[in-house]
Amino acid sequence: MSATSVTDRTVAPDGCENLFFLIPVAAGLTGDTEALRDKYFNFIIKRFEQHIGEEVNDYIIYKKTFGPQDFINEYNAFKGNAYGLANTLLQTAVLKPSCRSKKVRNLFYAGQFTVPGPGVPPSLISGEVVAKEVFKHFNS
């Protein structure tokens, strides 16, 4: 859960909060419907309310979901995959794809599909890692 309005008051009306709930799901699942999204949203809200000891659901004035089908429609993401590589043994640690293309000379990669992996902080780190690789490549 993220409450971006705590540090950026422009993302919610005065006196309100902006909450994001991330529900990771596997790529390639079928049945991405509004009814299923509502079911999981209600489950998450109930769990959140139990955790914080406050009622939230009755105060929601706007809700938007973004699921696997949206990742396909908006980003042409393979099987609705939002995160890049799967967390399987063959796609972790040193087995992730290299930052440098093995096929195209002087092509470097950064972002969620490369080392160190998915997520915003790792994507930023990935950019730093690839920048060092480019510097090392052209200065050696």
C-alpha atoms as a PDB file:
ATOM      1  CA  MET A   1       0.000   0.000   0.000  1.00  0.00           C
ATOM      2  CA  SER A   2       1.197   3.475  -0.807  1.00  0.00           C
ATOM      3  CA  ALA A   3      -0.256   6.817   0.306  1.00  0.00           C
ATOM      4  CA  THR A   4       1.273   9.268  -2.141  1.00  0.00           C
ATOM      5  CA  SER A   5      -0.860  12.138  -0.865  1.00  0.00           C
ATOM      6  CA  VAL A   6       1.180  12.177   2.353  1.00  0.00           C
ATOM      7  CA  THR A   7       4.084  13.767   0.478  1.00  0.00           C
ATOM      8  CA  ASP A   8       2.248  15.210  -2.544  1.00  0.00           C
ATOM      9  CA  ARG A   9      -0.947  17.053  -1.621  1.00  0.00           C
ATOM     10  CA  THR A  10      -1.774  17.607  -5.315  1.00  0.00           C
ATOM     11  CA  VAL A  11      -2.796  13.967  -5.857  1.00  0.00           C
ATOM     12  CA  ALA A  12      -5.917  14.096  -3.654  1.00  0.00           C
ATOM     13  CA  PRO A  13      -8.604  16.666  -2.829  1.00  0.00           C
ATOM     14  CA  ASP A  14      -8.152  18.694   0.368  1.00  0.00           C
ATOM     15  CA  GLY A  15      -8.883  16.579   3.439  1.00  0.00           C
ATOM     16  CA  CYS A  16      -8.554  13.322   1.475  1.00  0.00           C
ATOM     17  CA  GLU A  17      -5.897  10.673   0.955  1.00  0.00           C
ATOM     18  CA  ASN A  18      -4.776   8.858  -2.187  1.00  0.00           C
ATOM     19  CA  LEU A  19      -4.107   5.169  -1.536  1.00  0.00           C
ATOM     20  CA  PHE A  20      -2.622   2.605  -3.915  1.00  0.00           C
ATOM     21  CA  PHE A  21      -2.941  -1.116  -3.282  1.00  0.00           C
ATOM     22  CA  LEU A  22      -0.745  -3.435  -5.335  1.00  0.00           C
ATOM     23  CA  ILE A  23      -1.929  -7.007  -5.767  1.00  0.00           C
ATOM     24  CA  PRO A  24       0.743  -8.991  -7.632  1.00  0.00           C
ATOM     25  CA  VAL A  25      -0.622 -11.720  -9.886  1.00  0.00           C
ATOM     26  CA  ALA A  26       1.024 -14.158 -12.244  1.00  0.00           C
ATOM     27  CA  ALA A  27       1.197 -13.282 -15.923  1.00  0.00           C
ATOM     28  CA  GLY A  28      -1.074 -15.175 -18.279  1.00  0.00           C
ATOM     29  CA  LEU A  29      -4.025 -15.610 -15.915  1.00  0.00           C
ATOM     30  CA  THR A  30      -7.441 -15.561 -17.541  1.00  0.00           C
ATOM     31  CA  GLY A  31     -10.719 -14.154 -16.241  1.00  0.00           C
ATOM     32  CA  ASP A  32      -9.635 -10.558 -15.610  1.00  0.00           C
ATOM     33  CA  THR A  33     -13.108  -9.076 -15.066  1.00  0.00           C
ATOM     34  CA  GLU A  34     -14.470  -6.114 -13.114  1.00  0.00           C
ATOM     35  CA  ALA A  35     -16.314  -8.567 -10.857  1.00  0.00           C
ATOM     36  CA  LEU A  36     -13.076 -10.370 -10.000  1.00  0.00           C
ATOM     37  CA  ARG A  37     -11.273  -7.070  -9.473  1.00  0.00           C
ATOM     38  CA  ASP A  38     -14.058  -5.901  -7.147  1.00  0.00           C
ATOM     39  CA  LYS A  39     -13.877  -9.154  -5.200  1.00  0.00           C
ATOM     40  CA  TYR A  40     -10.157  -8.735  -4.549  1.00  0.00           C
ATOM     41  CA  PHE A  41     -10.493  -5.004  -3.895  1.00  0.00           C
ATOM     42  CA  ASN A  42     -13.119  -5.672  -1.216  1.00  0.00           C
ATOM     43  CA  PHE A  43     -10.911  -8.365   0.307  1.00  0.00           C
ATOM     44  CA  ILE A  44      -7.934  -5.977   0.447  1.00  0.00           C
ATOM     45  CA  ILE A  45     -10.008  -3.112   1.902  1.00  0.00           C
ATOM     46  CA  LYS A  46     -11.400  -5.365   4.657  1.00  0.00           C
ATOM     47  CA  ARG A  47      -7.915  -6.587   5.482  1.00  0.00           C
ATOM     48  CA  PHE A  48      -6.583  -3.015   5.492  1.00  0.00           C
ATOM     49  CA  GLU A  49      -9.408  -1.872   7.783  1.00  0.00           C
ATOM     50  CA  GLN A  50      -8.664  -4.719  10.198  1.00  0.00           C
ATOM     51  CA  HIS A  51      -4.984  -3.822  10.178  1.00  0.00           C
ATOM     52  CA  ILE A  52      -5.454  -0.101  10.878  1.00  0.00           C
ATOM     53  CA  GLY A  53      -8.549  -0.442  13.070  1.00  0.00           C
ATOM     54  CA  GLU A  54     -10.475   2.163  11.065  1.00  0.00           C
ATOM     55  CA  GLU A  55     -13.325   1.998   8.560  1.00  0.00           C
ATOM     56  CA  VAL A  56     -12.255   3.083   5.073  1.00  0.00           C
ATOM     57  CA  ASN A  57     -14.694   1.577   2.581  1.00  0.00           C
ATOM     58  CA  ASP A  58     -17.555   4.019   3.259  1.00  0.00           C
ATOM     59  CA  TYR A  59     -15.240   6.966   2.588  1.00  0.00           C
ATOM     60  CA  ILE A  60     -14.012   5.914  -0.847  1.00  0.00           C
ATOM     61  CA  ILE A  61     -15.069   8.564  -3.380  1.00  0.00           C
ATOM     62  CA  TYR A  62     -13.084   7.292  -6.361  1.00  0.00           C
ATOM     63  CA  LYS A  63     -11.674   3.900  -7.277  1.00  0.00           C
ATOM     64  CA  LYS A  64      -9.731   2.820 -10.341  1.00  0.00           C
ATOM     65  CA  THR A  65      -8.298  -0.592 -11.086  1.00  0.00           C
ATOM     66  CA  PHE A  66      -5.543  -1.504 -13.502  1.00  0.00           C
ATOM     67  CA  GLY A  67      -5.059  -5.188 -14.172  1.00  0.00           C
ATOM     68  CA  PRO A  68      -3.501  -7.677 -16.571  1.00  0.00           C
ATOM     69  CA  GLN A  69      -5.852  -6.860 -19.444  1.00  0.00           C
ATOM     70  CA  ASP A  70      -5.011  -3.164 -19.036  1.00  0.00           C
ATOM     71  CA  PHE A  71      -1.296  -3.950 -19.259  1.00  0.00           C
ATOM     72  CA  ILE A  72      -2.008  -5.778 -22.518  1.00  0.00           C
ATOM     73  CA  ASN A  73      -4.191  -2.979 -23.918  1.00  0.00           C
ATOM     74  CA  GLU A  74      -2.098  -0.013 -22.759  1.00  0.00           C
ATOM     75  CA  TYR A  75       1.450  -1.362 -23.032  1.00  0.00           C
ATOM     76  CA  ASN A  76       1.163  -4.449 -25.238  1.00  0.00           C
ATOM     77  CA  ALA A  77       2.652  -6.339 -22.276  1.00  0.00           C
ATOM     78  CA  PHE A  78       3.105 -10.035 -22.993  1.00  0.00           C
ATOM     79  CA  LYS A  79       0.322 -11.953 -21.188  1.00  0.00           C
ATOM     80  CA  GLY A  80      -0.464  -8.836 -19.119  1.00  0.00           C
ATOM     81  CA  ASN A  81       2.889  -9.047 -17.401  1.00  0.00           C
ATOM     82  CA  ALA A  82       3.544  -5.932 -15.316  1.00  0.00           C
ATOM     83  CA  TYR A  83       6.826  -6.937 -13.725  1.00  0.00           C
ATOM     84  CA  GLY A  84       9.118  -8.306 -16.380  1.00  0.00           C
ATOM     85  CA  LEU A  85      10.885 -11.530 -15.647  1.00  0.00           C
ATOM     86  CA  ALA A  86       9.377 -14.202 -13.461  1.00  0.00           C
ATOM     87  CA  ASN A  87      10.934 -15.038 -10.128  1.00  0.00           C
ATOM     88  CA  THR A  88      12.136 -18.440 -11.262  1.00  0.00           C
ATOM     89  CA  LEU A  89      15.545 -19.919 -10.656  1.00  0.00           C
ATOM     90  CA  LEU A  90      16.587 -19.396 -14.282  1.00  0.00           C
ATOM     91  CA  GLN A  91      15.662 -15.698 -14.154  1.00  0.00           C
ATOM     92  CA  THR A  92      17.245 -14.618 -10.872  1.00  0.00           C
ATOM     93  CA  ALA A  93      20.547 -13.158  -9.725  1.00  0.00           C
ATOM     94  CA  VAL A  94      23.358 -13.730 -12.246  1.00  0.00           C
ATOM     95  CA  LEU A  95      21.006 -15.641 -14.566  1.00  0.00           C
ATOM     96  CA  LYS A  96      19.049 -12.486 -15.476  1.00  0.00           C
ATOM     97  CA  PRO A  97      19.695 -11.071 -18.939  1.00  0.00           C
ATOM     98  CA  SER A  98      22.827  -8.990 -19.288  1.00  0.00           C
ATOM     99  CA  CYS A  99      22.758  -5.195 -19.446  1.00  0.00           C
ATOM    100  CA  ARG A 100      24.704  -5.463 -22.699  1.00  0.00           C
ATOM    101  CA  SER A 101      23.306  -7.033 -25.855  1.00  0.00           C
ATOM    102  CA  LYS A 102      25.109 -10.153 -27.010  1.00  0.00           C
ATOM    103  CA  LYS A 103      23.787  -9.645 -30.553  1.00  0.00           C
ATOM    104  CA  VAL A 104      23.883  -5.901 -31.254  1.00  0.00           C
ATOM    105  CA  ARG A 105      27.150  -4.030 -30.837  1.00  0.00           C
ATOM    106  CA  ASN A 106      27.029  -1.080 -28.429  1.00  0.00           C
ATOM    107  CA  LEU A 107      23.418  -1.786 -27.357  1.00  0.00           C
ATOM    108  CA  PHE A 108      22.814  -1.614 -23.607  1.00  0.00           C
ATOM    109  CA  TYR A 109      19.641  -2.290 -21.633  1.00  0.00           C
ATOM    110  CA  ALA A 110      18.259  -0.757 -18.444  1.00  0.00           C
ATOM    111  CA  GLY A 111      14.978  -1.230 -16.646  1.00  0.00           C
ATOM    112  CA  GLN A 112      12.781  -3.849 -15.095  1.00  0.00           C
ATOM    113  CA  PHE A 113      13.681  -6.677 -17.481  1.00  0.00           C
ATOM    114  CA  THR A 114      17.404  -6.458 -16.728  1.00  0.00           C
ATOM    115  CA  VAL A 115      19.710  -6.635 -13.737  1.00  0.00           C
ATOM    116  CA  PRO A 116      18.827  -6.120 -10.886  1.00  0.00           C
ATOM    117  CA  GLY A 117      15.133  -6.823 -11.570  1.00  0.00           C
ATOM    118  CA  PRO A 118      11.562  -5.497 -11.364  1.00  0.00           C
ATOM    119  CA  GLY A 119      10.414  -2.444  -9.466  1.00  0.00           C
ATOM    120  CA  VAL A 120      11.118   1.275  -9.541  1.00  0.00           C
ATOM    121  CA  PRO A 121      14.168   1.324  -7.218  1.00  0.00           C
ATOM    122  CA  PRO A 122      15.797  -1.612  -9.027  1.00  0.00           C
ATOM    123  CA  SER A 123      15.040   0.040 -12.376  1.00  0.00           C
ATOM    124  CA  LEU A 124      16.827   3.168 -11.207  1.00  0.00           C
ATOM    125  CA  ILE A 125      19.723   1.056  -9.971  1.00  0.00           C
ATOM    126  CA  SER A 126      19.682  -0.770 -13.303  1.00  0.00           C
ATOM    127  CA  GLY A 127      20.155   2.552 -15.102  1.00  0.00           C
ATOM    128  CA  GLU A 128      23.147   3.292 -12.887  1.00  0.00           C
ATOM    129  CA  VAL A 129      24.587  -0.178 -13.488  1.00  0.00           C
ATOM    130  CA  VAL A 130      24.232   0.111 -17.267  1.00  0.00           C
ATOM    131  CA  ALA A 131      25.691   3.642 -17.248  1.00  0.00           C
ATOM    132  CA  LYS A 132      28.789   2.246 -15.518  1.00  0.00           C
ATOM    133  CA  GLU A 133      28.957  -0.566 -18.088  1.00  0.00           C
ATOM    134  CA  VAL A 134      28.762   1.939 -20.969  1.00  0.00           C
ATOM    135  CA  PHE A 135      31.461   4.083 -19.365  1.00  0.00           C
ATOM    136  CA  LYS A 136      33.659   1.040 -18.774  1.00  0.00           C
ATOM    137  CA  HIS A 137      33.106  -0.218 -22.343  1.00  0.00           C
ATOM    138  CA  PHE A 138      34.002   3.035 -24.043  1.00  0.00           C
ATOM    139  CA  ASN A 139      36.881   3.899 -21.707  1.00  0.00           C
ATOM    140  CA  SER A 140      38.741   0.592 -21.772  1.00  0.00           C
END
